Amino acid sequence: MILLYNKYIQFTTDKPYDYSKMHLSMLLLFKVPENHPTEDIKFFGGWIMSPKRQRTDTTNLLLPLGYENNRLTIKAIQIGYLGPNYDVAGEYEYFKARFPFRHISELN
């Protein structure tokens, strides 16, 4: 999967939007929580509307997605990217070490 992401990013011409697509696909692939201990968060890109470090015990790693009536939905209208290249491989490994894969039935 990471090989596919890396190949995709080599040939894209619109990196900020393509980074956002890849990040959203990671949120769909893994069951990322809406409340994760703040001391354990790690960022792999500069997302506009991404969870920000706050003086709280938990952070919503699922943004811009969220749950409404027990269904996964888009909670933000726009997501963008600023900063250095998105570390998709790093994020994949971080998520894989902490969160289970999402069951396909959650995406219906």
Protein backbone atom coordinates (compact mmCIF):
# COMPACT_ATOMS: atom_id res chain seq x y z
CA MET A 1 0.00 0.00 0.00
CA ILE A 2 2.78 2.43 0.89
CA LEU A 3 4.46 1.67 -2.44
CA LEU A 4 1.27 2.70 -4.23
CA TYR A 5 1.07 5.95 -2.25
CA ASN A 6 4.71 6.74 -2.97
CA LYS A 7 4.28 6.10 -6.70
CA TYR A 8 1.11 8.20 -6.76
CA ILE A 9 2.83 11.16 -5.11
CA GLN A 10 5.77 11.00 -7.55
CA PHE A 11 3.52 11.68 -10.52
CA THR A 12 0.93 14.05 -9.11
CA THR A 13 0.96 17.71 -10.03
CA ASP A 14 -1.43 18.97 -7.35
CA LYS A 15 0.29 17.80 -4.18
CA PRO A 16 -1.76 19.66 -1.52
CA TYR A 17 -5.03 18.16 -2.73
CA ASP A 18 -3.46 14.76 -3.32
CA TYR A 19 -1.95 14.78 0.17
CA SER A 20 -5.44 15.42 1.53
CA LYS A 21 -6.84 12.49 -0.44
CA MET A 22 -4.14 10.20 0.92
CA HIS A 23 -4.69 11.40 4.49
CA LEU A 24 -8.45 10.83 4.21
CA SER A 25 -7.83 7.33 2.86
CA MET A 26 -5.69 6.61 5.95
CA LEU A 27 -8.55 7.74 8.20
CA LEU A 28 -10.86 5.37 6.35
CA LEU A 29 -8.39 2.48 6.42
CA PHE A 30 -7.72 2.66 10.17
CA LYS A 31 -10.16 2.99 13.02
CA VAL A 32 -8.65 6.26 14.26
CA PRO A 33 -10.28 7.59 17.45
CA GLU A 34 -11.98 10.92 18.02
CA ASN A 35 -10.40 11.05 21.48
CA HIS A 36 -6.77 9.97 21.67
CA PRO A 37 -4.32 10.80 24.48
CA THR A 38 -2.64 14.08 23.56
CA GLU A 39 0.76 12.92 24.79
CA ASP A 40 0.73 10.12 22.18
CA ILE A 41 -0.11 12.18 19.08
CA LYS A 42 2.34 12.59 16.26
CA PHE A 43 1.82 14.64 13.10
CA PHE A 44 3.03 13.67 9.63
CA GLY A 45 1.93 16.73 7.69
CA GLY A 46 0.70 20.29 8.07
CA TRP A 47 -3.06 19.88 7.74
CA ILE A 48 -5.38 22.85 7.70
CA MET A 49 -8.13 22.00 10.20
CA SER A 50 -5.99 19.19 11.57
CA PRO A 51 -6.13 18.45 15.27
CA LYS A 52 -4.00 20.96 17.07
CA ARG A 53 -2.07 20.42 20.26
CA GLN A 54 -4.19 21.85 22.99
CA ARG A 55 -4.00 21.86 26.75
CA THR A 56 -6.38 18.93 27.02
CA ASP A 57 -5.92 15.25 27.75
CA THR A 58 -7.28 14.04 24.39
CA THR A 59 -7.18 15.10 20.74
CA ASN A 60 -9.50 14.23 17.86
CA LEU A 61 -7.31 12.38 15.36
CA LEU A 62 -10.27 11.59 13.10
CA LEU A 63 -10.77 15.16 11.86
CA PRO A 64 -12.07 16.12 9.32
CA LEU A 65 -14.18 12.97 9.68
CA GLY A 66 -16.40 12.10 12.60
CA TYR A 67 -19.41 10.11 13.69
CA GLU A 68 -23.00 11.23 13.40
CA ASN A 69 -25.81 8.84 14.36
CA ASN A 70 -23.18 6.07 14.63
CA ARG A 71 -22.15 6.60 11.00
CA LEU A 72 -18.81 7.86 9.75
CA THR A 73 -19.28 11.18 7.96
CA ILE A 74 -17.37 14.26 6.82
CA LYS A 75 -17.44 16.89 9.56
CA ALA A 76 -15.41 19.58 7.77
CA ILE A 77 -16.15 21.15 4.41
CA GLN A 78 -12.55 21.72 3.39
CA ILE A 79 -9.17 20.27 4.20
CA GLY A 80 -5.89 21.59 2.89
CA TYR A 81 -2.19 21.21 3.39
CA LEU A 82 0.72 23.53 4.22
CA GLY A 83 4.30 22.59 4.87
CA PRO A 84 6.83 19.95 3.87
CA ASN A 85 5.96 16.72 2.10
CA TYR A 86 3.37 14.57 3.82
CA ASP A 87 5.00 11.51 5.42
CA VAL A 88 2.40 8.94 4.39
CA ALA A 89 4.65 5.99 5.28
CA GLY A 90 5.28 7.40 8.76
CA GLU A 91 1.58 7.97 9.36
CA TYR A 92 0.74 4.47 8.11
CA GLU A 93 3.23 2.89 10.53
CA TYR A 94 2.04 5.08 13.43
CA PHE A 95 -1.62 4.17 12.81
CA LYS A 96 -0.81 0.50 12.22
CA ALA A 97 1.00 0.27 15.57
CA ARG A 98 -1.92 1.84 17.49
CA PHE A 99 -5.25 1.30 15.73
CA PRO A 100 -7.03 -1.64 14.10
CA PHE A 101 -8.05 -1.64 10.47
CA ARG A 102 -11.58 -0.37 9.92
CA HIS A 103 -14.12 -3.04 8.95
CA ILE A 104 -15.57 -2.50 5.49
CA SER A 105 -19.12 -2.50 6.93
CA GLU A 106 -18.38 0.84 8.64
CA LEU A 107 -18.01 2.51 5.26
CA ASN A 108 -21.51 1.77 3.97
